[in-house]
């Protein structure tokens, strides 16, 4: 059981860093629900 079990997650990735879908793939083995995932450009 992890600290993310049953949690709802919002992911905001960075275009020049780690994109949102990559973070979402890393969270797949955990028992959490990704409710929003996006990759933004912060300038």
C-alpha atoms as a PDB file:
ATOM      1  CA  UNK A   1       0.000   0.000   0.000  1.00  0.00           C
ATOM      2  CA  UNK A   2       1.456   3.352  -1.016  1.00  0.00           C
ATOM      3  CA  UNK A   3       0.711   6.868   0.116  1.00  0.00           C
ATOM      4  CA  UNK A   4      -1.092   7.431  -3.213  1.00  0.00           C
ATOM      5  CA  UNK A   5      -3.630   4.632  -2.753  1.00  0.00           C
ATOM      6  CA  UNK A   6      -7.100   6.016  -3.449  1.00  0.00           C
ATOM      7  CA  UNK A   7      -5.841   9.552  -4.176  1.00  0.00           C
ATOM      8  CA  UNK A   8      -6.799  11.750  -7.111  1.00  0.00           C
ATOM      9  CA  UNK A   9      -3.764  13.221  -8.912  1.00  0.00           C
ATOM     10  CA  UNK A  10      -3.364  16.350 -11.069  1.00  0.00           C
ATOM     11  CA  UNK A  11      -0.237  16.363 -13.260  1.00  0.00           C
ATOM     12  CA  UNK A  12       1.224  19.499 -14.819  1.00  0.00           C
ATOM     13  CA  UNK A  13       4.333  18.685 -16.826  1.00  0.00           C
ATOM     14  CA  UNK A  14       6.812  21.070 -18.426  1.00  0.00           C
ATOM     15  CA  UNK A  15       7.586  21.166 -22.148  1.00  0.00           C
ATOM     16  CA  UNK A  16      11.334  21.598 -21.557  1.00  0.00           C
ATOM     17  CA  UNK A  17      11.398  19.290 -18.526  1.00  0.00           C
ATOM     18  CA  UNK A  18       9.305  16.211 -17.874  1.00  0.00           C
ATOM     19  CA  UNK A  19       6.055  16.077 -19.897  1.00  0.00           C
ATOM     20  CA  UNK A  20       2.763  15.175 -18.242  1.00  0.00           C
ATOM     21  CA  UNK A  21       2.269  11.823 -20.032  1.00  0.00           C
ATOM     22  CA  UNK A  22       5.708  10.638 -18.841  1.00  0.00           C
ATOM     23  CA  UNK A  23       4.774  11.393 -15.227  1.00  0.00           C
ATOM     24  CA  UNK A  24       1.449   9.639 -15.754  1.00  0.00           C
ATOM     25  CA  UNK A  25       3.227   6.498 -16.986  1.00  0.00           C
ATOM     26  CA  UNK A  26       5.350   6.454 -13.828  1.00  0.00           C
ATOM     27  CA  UNK A  27       2.211   6.606 -11.674  1.00  0.00           C
ATOM     28  CA  UNK A  28       0.460   3.684 -13.416  1.00  0.00           C
ATOM     29  CA  UNK A  29       1.703   0.992 -10.979  1.00  0.00           C
ATOM     30  CA  UNK A  30       0.353   2.987  -8.023  1.00  0.00           C
ATOM     31  CA  UNK A  31      -3.273   2.719  -7.011  1.00  0.00           C
ATOM     32  CA  UNK A  32      -4.253   6.326  -7.779  1.00  0.00           C
ATOM     33  CA  UNK A  33      -6.555   8.089 -10.226  1.00  0.00           C
ATOM     34  CA  UNK A  34      -5.097  10.699 -12.601  1.00  0.00           C
ATOM     35  CA  UNK A  35      -7.930  13.182 -13.119  1.00  0.00           C
ATOM     36  CA  UNK A  36      -5.949  15.689 -15.209  1.00  0.00           C
ATOM     37  CA  UNK A  37      -2.646  15.527 -17.096  1.00  0.00           C
ATOM     38  CA  UNK A  38      -1.196  18.305 -19.202  1.00  0.00           C
ATOM     39  CA  UNK A  39       2.110  19.571 -20.551  1.00  0.00           C
ATOM     40  CA  UNK A  40       2.544  23.334 -20.404  1.00  0.00           C
ATOM     41  CA  UNK A  41       5.196  25.784 -21.564  1.00  0.00           C
ATOM     42  CA  UNK A  42       6.320  28.047 -18.728  1.00  0.00           C
ATOM     43  CA  UNK A  43       8.115  31.095 -20.083  1.00  0.00           C
END
